[in-house]
Amino acid sequence: MITGLDHVQLAAPPGSETVLRAFYGGVLGLREIPKPAALSGRGGCWFEAGPTAQLHLGIDPCFRPARKAHPALRVTGLRAHAARLTAHGAPVTWDDGLPGHDRCYTRDPVGNRLELLELLEEKGQGNTA
């Protein structure tokens, strides 16, 4: 039986940890968590992505950014997140194709695609039917 999602891993090029920490920790506001000692020599960095999931950034010497596959991060205050992304030079593309959600896509500093979405009911704009 599957009981939940533990983590999502994205690849990153060697030496990119500084820009990844600035983006995921600074711009997105995720809290970095320590990697286990047995894995720390591999590089990369890990972040909390809510109370029950993590986002891992693993170093891949043959890195190619994920341009279609992506994690979707549920947020509150999506418009503020989008403004912060834009202010830091990250692209923001809006998509209204998912009913009941406000969402956008962006790319991290190494080109990986990310989705940010907010449930409209959380904003007081849900359906009243």
N, C-alpha and C. Protein backbone atom coordinates (compact mmCIF):
# COMPACT_ATOMS: atom_id res chain seq x y z
N MET A 1 0.84 -1.17 0.00
CA MET A 1 0.00 0.00 0.00
C MET A 1 0.89 1.25 0.00
N ILE A 2 0.60 2.18 -0.88
CA ILE A 2 1.31 3.46 -0.92
C ILE A 2 0.64 4.37 0.09
N THR A 3 1.46 5.03 0.92
CA THR A 3 0.90 5.87 1.98
C THR A 3 1.17 7.36 1.79
N GLY A 4 1.94 7.73 0.77
CA GLY A 4 2.20 9.14 0.54
C GLY A 4 3.39 9.34 -0.36
N LEU A 5 3.71 10.58 -0.58
CA LEU A 5 4.86 10.97 -1.39
C LEU A 5 5.94 11.48 -0.45
N ASP A 6 7.10 10.87 -0.49
CA ASP A 6 8.20 11.25 0.39
C ASP A 6 9.00 12.41 -0.17
N HIS A 7 9.43 12.29 -1.44
CA HIS A 7 10.20 13.37 -2.04
C HIS A 7 10.14 13.29 -3.56
N VAL A 8 10.53 14.39 -4.17
CA VAL A 8 10.72 14.49 -5.61
C VAL A 8 12.16 14.93 -5.80
N GLN A 9 12.84 14.33 -6.76
CA GLN A 9 14.21 14.75 -7.02
C GLN A 9 14.31 15.35 -8.41
N LEU A 10 15.02 16.47 -8.48
CA LEU A 10 15.37 17.10 -9.74
C LEU A 10 16.88 17.03 -9.88
N ALA A 11 17.34 16.93 -11.10
CA ALA A 11 18.78 16.91 -11.35
C ALA A 11 19.30 18.34 -11.47
N ALA A 12 20.59 18.48 -11.23
CA ALA A 12 21.25 19.78 -11.33
C ALA A 12 22.70 19.54 -11.76
N PRO A 13 23.30 20.53 -12.41
CA PRO A 13 24.69 20.34 -12.85
C PRO A 13 25.67 20.49 -11.69
N PRO A 14 26.84 19.90 -11.81
CA PRO A 14 27.86 20.05 -10.78
C PRO A 14 28.17 21.52 -10.51
N GLY A 15 28.36 21.85 -9.24
CA GLY A 15 28.72 23.21 -8.85
C GLY A 15 27.58 24.20 -8.77
N SER A 16 26.33 23.74 -8.88
CA SER A 16 25.19 24.66 -8.91
C SER A 16 24.52 24.87 -7.55
N GLU A 17 25.06 24.28 -6.49
CA GLU A 17 24.39 24.34 -5.19
C GLU A 17 24.15 25.76 -4.70
N THR A 18 25.08 26.67 -4.93
CA THR A 18 24.92 28.04 -4.43
C THR A 18 23.71 28.73 -5.06
N VAL A 19 23.56 28.63 -6.38
CA VAL A 19 22.41 29.27 -7.03
C VAL A 19 21.11 28.55 -6.69
N LEU A 20 21.19 27.23 -6.50
CA LEU A 20 19.99 26.48 -6.12
C LEU A 20 19.53 26.87 -4.72
N ARG A 21 20.46 27.00 -3.78
CA ARG A 21 20.10 27.43 -2.43
C ARG A 21 19.49 28.84 -2.44
N ALA A 22 20.07 29.72 -3.24
CA ALA A 22 19.54 31.09 -3.32
C ALA A 22 18.12 31.08 -3.88
N PHE A 23 17.85 30.24 -4.86
CA PHE A 23 16.54 30.19 -5.48
C PHE A 23 15.52 29.48 -4.60
N TYR A 24 15.81 28.23 -4.25
CA TYR A 24 14.82 27.44 -3.50
C TYR A 24 14.67 27.94 -2.06
N GLY A 25 15.75 28.32 -1.43
CA GLY A 25 15.68 28.81 -0.07
C GLY A 25 15.33 30.28 0.01
N GLY A 26 15.98 31.10 -0.82
CA GLY A 26 15.78 32.54 -0.78
C GLY A 26 14.52 33.01 -1.49
N VAL A 27 14.39 32.68 -2.76
CA VAL A 27 13.26 33.18 -3.55
C VAL A 27 11.97 32.44 -3.21
N LEU A 28 12.01 31.10 -3.18
CA LEU A 28 10.80 30.34 -2.90
C LEU A 28 10.53 30.19 -1.40
N GLY A 29 11.53 30.39 -0.57
CA GLY A 29 11.32 30.33 0.87
C GLY A 29 11.24 28.94 1.46
N LEU A 30 11.74 27.93 0.74
CA LEU A 30 11.76 26.57 1.29
C LEU A 30 12.90 26.45 2.31
N ARG A 31 12.68 25.64 3.32
CA ARG A 31 13.70 25.45 4.35
C ARG A 31 14.62 24.31 3.93
N GLU A 32 15.93 24.60 3.87
CA GLU A 32 16.89 23.55 3.54
C GLU A 32 17.01 22.60 4.72
N ILE A 33 17.10 21.32 4.41
CA ILE A 33 17.28 20.30 5.44
C ILE A 33 18.60 19.58 5.15
N PRO A 34 19.27 19.11 6.20
CA PRO A 34 20.56 18.45 5.97
C PRO A 34 20.38 17.09 5.29
N LYS A 35 21.31 16.80 4.41
CA LYS A 35 21.35 15.47 3.80
C LYS A 35 21.98 14.52 4.81
N PRO A 36 21.60 13.26 4.79
CA PRO A 36 22.27 12.29 5.65
C PRO A 36 23.77 12.26 5.34
N ALA A 37 24.58 12.03 6.36
CA ALA A 37 26.03 12.03 6.20
C ALA A 37 26.48 11.09 5.08
N ALA A 38 25.84 9.94 4.97
CA ALA A 38 26.22 8.96 3.95
C ALA A 38 25.99 9.47 2.53
N LEU A 39 25.14 10.50 2.36
CA LEU A 39 24.84 11.03 1.03
C LEU A 39 25.44 12.41 0.77
N SER A 40 25.94 13.07 1.80
CA SER A 40 26.37 14.46 1.65
C SER A 40 27.54 14.63 0.69
N GLY A 41 28.37 13.62 0.52
CA GLY A 41 29.49 13.71 -0.40
C GLY A 41 29.11 13.74 -1.87
N ARG A 42 27.85 13.48 -2.15
CA ARG A 42 27.38 13.46 -3.55
C ARG A 42 27.03 14.85 -4.06
N GLY A 43 27.02 15.84 -3.18
CA GLY A 43 26.62 17.18 -3.59
C GLY A 43 25.11 17.32 -3.61
N GLY A 44 24.66 18.44 -4.10
CA GLY A 44 23.23 18.71 -4.14
C GLY A 44 22.73 19.27 -2.83
N CYS A 45 21.42 19.45 -2.73
CA CYS A 45 20.81 19.98 -1.51
C CYS A 45 19.35 19.53 -1.46
N TRP A 46 18.83 19.49 -0.23
CA TRP A 46 17.47 19.04 0.02
C TRP A 46 16.68 20.14 0.71
N PHE A 47 15.38 20.20 0.42
CA PHE A 47 14.49 21.20 1.00
C PHE A 47 13.19 20.56 1.44
N GLU A 48 12.57 21.14 2.46
CA GLU A 48 11.21 20.73 2.83
C GLU A 48 10.25 21.37 1.84
N ALA A 49 9.30 20.58 1.38
CA ALA A 49 8.28 21.08 0.46
C ALA A 49 6.92 20.80 1.08
N GLY A 50 6.68 21.36 2.23
CA GLY A 50 5.46 21.10 2.98
C GLY A 50 5.73 20.16 4.12
N PRO A 51 4.70 19.84 4.87
CA PRO A 51 4.90 19.04 6.08
C PRO A 51 5.25 17.58 5.83
N THR A 52 4.96 17.05 4.65
CA THR A 52 5.16 15.61 4.45
C THR A 52 6.00 15.27 3.23
N ALA A 53 6.55 16.23 2.53
CA ALA A 53 7.32 15.94 1.32
C ALA A 53 8.58 16.80 1.27
N GLN A 54 9.54 16.30 0.51
CA GLN A 54 10.80 17.00 0.34
C GLN A 54 11.09 17.16 -1.15
N LEU A 55 11.91 18.16 -1.46
CA LEU A 55 12.41 18.39 -2.80
C LEU A 55 13.91 18.22 -2.75
N HIS A 56 14.42 17.22 -3.47
CA HIS A 56 15.85 16.94 -3.49
C HIS A 56 16.43 17.41 -4.82
N LEU A 57 17.57 18.06 -4.75
CA LEU A 57 18.29 18.48 -5.95
C LEU A 57 19.59 17.69 -5.97
N GLY A 58 19.68 16.76 -6.91
CA GLY A 58 20.82 15.86 -7.01
C GLY A 58 21.73 16.24 -8.16
N ILE A 59 23.02 16.13 -7.92
CA ILE A 59 24.01 16.49 -8.93
C ILE A 59 24.13 15.37 -9.96
N ASP A 60 24.08 15.76 -11.23
CA ASP A 60 24.21 14.83 -12.34
C ASP A 60 25.24 15.39 -13.31
N PRO A 61 26.38 14.72 -13.48
CA PRO A 61 27.41 15.23 -14.39
C PRO A 61 26.93 15.32 -15.84
N CYS A 62 25.90 14.57 -16.19
CA CYS A 62 25.33 14.62 -17.55
C CYS A 62 24.00 15.38 -17.53
N PHE A 63 23.90 16.40 -16.72
CA PHE A 63 22.66 17.14 -16.47
C PHE A 63 22.00 17.64 -17.75
N ARG A 64 20.68 17.45 -17.80
CA ARG A 64 19.80 18.07 -18.78
C ARG A 64 18.57 18.53 -18.00
N PRO A 65 18.16 19.78 -18.12
CA PRO A 65 17.02 20.25 -17.33
C PRO A 65 15.72 19.55 -17.70
N ALA A 66 14.86 19.39 -16.69
CA ALA A 66 13.52 18.84 -16.91
C ALA A 66 12.65 19.95 -17.49
N ARG A 67 12.34 19.85 -18.78
CA ARG A 67 11.58 20.91 -19.44
C ARG A 67 10.08 20.66 -19.43
N LYS A 68 9.66 19.41 -19.32
CA LYS A 68 8.23 19.09 -19.28
C LYS A 68 7.86 18.49 -17.92
N ALA A 69 8.55 17.44 -17.51
CA ALA A 69 8.31 16.85 -16.19
C ALA A 69 8.63 17.89 -15.13
N HIS A 70 7.86 17.89 -14.03
CA HIS A 70 8.06 18.94 -13.03
C HIS A 70 7.35 18.58 -11.73
N PRO A 71 7.86 19.11 -10.62
CA PRO A 71 7.08 19.04 -9.39
C PRO A 71 6.09 20.20 -9.38
N ALA A 72 4.95 19.98 -8.75
CA ALA A 72 3.96 21.04 -8.56
C ALA A 72 3.95 21.37 -7.07
N LEU A 73 4.24 22.61 -6.76
CA LEU A 73 4.30 23.07 -5.38
C LEU A 73 3.02 23.82 -5.04
N ARG A 74 2.27 23.31 -4.05
CA ARG A 74 1.05 23.98 -3.61
C ARG A 74 1.47 25.15 -2.71
N VAL A 75 0.92 26.33 -2.98
CA VAL A 75 1.29 27.54 -2.24
C VAL A 75 0.04 28.29 -1.80
N THR A 76 0.24 29.21 -0.90
CA THR A 76 -0.72 30.26 -0.61
C THR A 76 -0.04 31.56 -1.02
N GLY A 77 -0.82 32.53 -1.45
CA GLY A 77 -0.23 33.79 -1.91
C GLY A 77 0.52 33.64 -3.22
N LEU A 78 -0.09 32.94 -4.17
CA LEU A 78 0.58 32.67 -5.45
C LEU A 78 1.03 33.94 -6.15
N ARG A 79 0.20 34.96 -6.16
CA ARG A 79 0.57 36.19 -6.88
C ARG A 79 1.82 36.83 -6.27
N ALA A 80 1.97 36.77 -4.96
CA ALA A 80 3.17 37.29 -4.30
C ALA A 80 4.39 36.45 -4.67
N HIS A 81 4.22 35.12 -4.73
CA HIS A 81 5.32 34.25 -5.16
C HIS A 81 5.73 34.60 -6.58
N ALA A 82 4.75 34.78 -7.47
CA ALA A 82 5.05 35.10 -8.86
C ALA A 82 5.78 36.44 -8.98
N ALA A 83 5.37 37.42 -8.19
CA ALA A 83 6.03 38.73 -8.22
C ALA A 83 7.48 38.60 -7.75
N ARG A 84 7.70 37.80 -6.70
CA ARG A 84 9.06 37.60 -6.20
C ARG A 84 9.92 36.88 -7.25
N LEU A 85 9.35 35.88 -7.91
CA LEU A 85 10.08 35.18 -8.98
C LEU A 85 10.48 36.15 -10.08
N THR A 86 9.53 36.96 -10.53
CA THR A 86 9.80 37.93 -11.59
C THR A 86 10.87 38.92 -11.16
N ALA A 87 10.79 39.39 -9.91
CA ALA A 87 11.78 40.35 -9.41
C ALA A 87 13.19 39.76 -9.38
N HIS A 88 13.28 38.43 -9.27
CA HIS A 88 14.58 37.77 -9.26
C HIS A 88 14.97 37.21 -10.63
N GLY A 89 14.24 37.62 -11.67
CA GLY A 89 14.61 37.24 -13.03
C GLY A 89 14.13 35.88 -13.49
N ALA A 90 13.29 35.21 -12.70
CA ALA A 90 12.77 33.91 -13.10
C ALA A 90 11.53 34.11 -13.97
N PRO A 91 11.40 33.34 -15.04
CA PRO A 91 10.23 33.49 -15.91
C PRO A 91 8.97 32.99 -15.20
N VAL A 92 7.86 33.65 -15.46
CA VAL A 92 6.56 33.22 -14.93
C VAL A 92 5.58 33.16 -16.09
N THR A 93 4.98 31.98 -16.28
CA THR A 93 3.98 31.78 -17.31
C THR A 93 2.70 31.32 -16.63
N TRP A 94 1.62 32.09 -16.82
CA TRP A 94 0.33 31.77 -16.18
C TRP A 94 -0.42 30.75 -17.02
N ASP A 95 -1.19 29.90 -16.34
CA ASP A 95 -1.98 28.87 -17.01
C ASP A 95 -3.29 28.72 -16.25
N ASP A 96 -4.40 29.01 -16.92
CA ASP A 96 -5.70 28.90 -16.27
C ASP A 96 -6.44 27.61 -16.66
N GLY A 97 -5.69 26.61 -17.11
CA GLY A 97 -6.30 25.39 -17.61
C GLY A 97 -6.73 24.38 -16.56
N LEU A 98 -6.46 24.60 -15.29
CA LEU A 98 -6.83 23.65 -14.25
C LEU A 98 -7.96 24.27 -13.43
N PRO A 99 -9.20 23.80 -13.62
CA PRO A 99 -10.34 24.39 -12.90
C PRO A 99 -10.12 24.37 -11.38
N GLY A 100 -10.53 25.47 -10.76
CA GLY A 100 -10.46 25.57 -9.31
C GLY A 100 -9.09 25.95 -8.78
N HIS A 101 -8.15 26.24 -9.66
CA HIS A 101 -6.79 26.58 -9.25
C HIS A 101 -6.29 27.82 -9.98
N ASP A 102 -5.45 28.55 -9.30
CA ASP A 102 -4.65 29.61 -9.89
C ASP A 102 -3.25 29.01 -9.98
N ARG A 103 -2.62 29.06 -11.16
CA ARG A 103 -1.31 28.43 -11.26
C ARG A 103 -0.43 29.11 -12.29
N CYS A 104 0.86 28.88 -12.09
CA CYS A 104 1.85 29.37 -13.03
C CYS A 104 3.02 28.39 -13.07
N TYR A 105 3.84 28.58 -14.08
CA TYR A 105 5.06 27.78 -14.24
C TYR A 105 6.24 28.72 -14.21
N THR A 106 7.37 28.19 -13.76
CA THR A 106 8.61 28.93 -13.77
C THR A 106 9.75 27.94 -14.03
N ARG A 107 10.96 28.44 -14.07
CA ARG A 107 12.15 27.60 -14.21
C ARG A 107 13.14 27.99 -13.12
N ASP A 108 13.80 26.98 -12.57
CA ASP A 108 14.83 27.28 -11.59
C ASP A 108 16.08 27.77 -12.32
N PRO A 109 17.13 28.18 -11.60
CA PRO A 109 18.30 28.76 -12.27
C PRO A 109 19.04 27.82 -13.22
N VAL A 110 18.79 26.51 -13.12
CA VAL A 110 19.45 25.58 -14.03
C VAL A 110 18.51 25.07 -15.12
N GLY A 111 17.29 25.61 -15.17
CA GLY A 111 16.37 25.31 -16.26
C GLY A 111 15.28 24.30 -15.98
N ASN A 112 15.22 23.74 -14.77
CA ASN A 112 14.16 22.79 -14.44
C ASN A 112 12.81 23.50 -14.33
N ARG A 113 11.78 22.88 -14.85
CA ARG A 113 10.43 23.43 -14.80
C ARG A 113 9.79 23.17 -13.44
N LEU A 114 9.08 24.17 -12.93
CA LEU A 114 8.34 24.07 -11.67
C LEU A 114 6.94 24.62 -11.88
N GLU A 115 5.98 24.00 -11.25
CA GLU A 115 4.60 24.50 -11.24
C GLU A 115 4.30 24.98 -9.83
N LEU A 116 3.68 26.14 -9.72
CA LEU A 116 3.18 26.64 -8.44
C LEU A 116 1.68 26.80 -8.59
N LEU A 117 0.93 26.24 -7.65
CA LEU A 117 -0.52 26.35 -7.77
C LEU A 117 -1.16 26.60 -6.42
N GLU A 118 -2.28 27.32 -6.49
CA GLU A 118 -3.05 27.66 -5.31
C GLU A 118 -4.50 27.28 -5.55
N LEU A 119 -5.06 26.55 -4.62
CA LEU A 119 -6.46 26.18 -4.69
C LEU A 119 -7.29 27.46 -4.52
N LEU A 120 -8.21 27.72 -5.45
CA LEU A 120 -8.98 28.96 -5.39
C LEU A 120 -9.82 29.06 -4.12
N GLU A 121 -10.31 27.94 -3.59
CA GLU A 121 -11.07 27.98 -2.34
C GLU A 121 -10.24 28.52 -1.21
N GLU A 122 -8.91 28.25 -1.21
CA GLU A 122 -8.03 28.77 -0.18
C GLU A 122 -7.95 30.28 -0.22
N LYS A 123 -8.26 30.85 -1.37
CA LYS A 123 -8.25 32.30 -1.54
C LYS A 123 -9.64 32.90 -1.36
N GLY A 124 -10.62 32.06 -1.00
CA GLY A 124 -11.98 32.56 -0.85
C GLY A 124 -12.69 32.76 -2.17
N GLN A 125 -12.21 32.08 -3.24
CA GLN A 125 -12.80 32.26 -4.55
C GLN A 125 -13.34 30.96 -5.10
N GLY A 126 -13.61 30.00 -4.26
CA GLY A 126 -14.10 28.70 -4.73
C GLY A 126 -15.50 28.77 -5.27
N ASN A 127 -15.92 27.70 -5.86
CA ASN A 127 -17.28 27.61 -6.39
C ASN A 127 -18.28 27.66 -5.25
N THR A 128 -19.41 28.30 -5.49
CA THR A 128 -20.46 28.39 -4.47
C THR A 128 -21.60 27.45 -4.77
N ALA A 129 -21.45 26.62 -5.80
CA ALA A 129 -22.53 25.71 -6.20
C ALA A 129 -22.68 24.58 -5.21
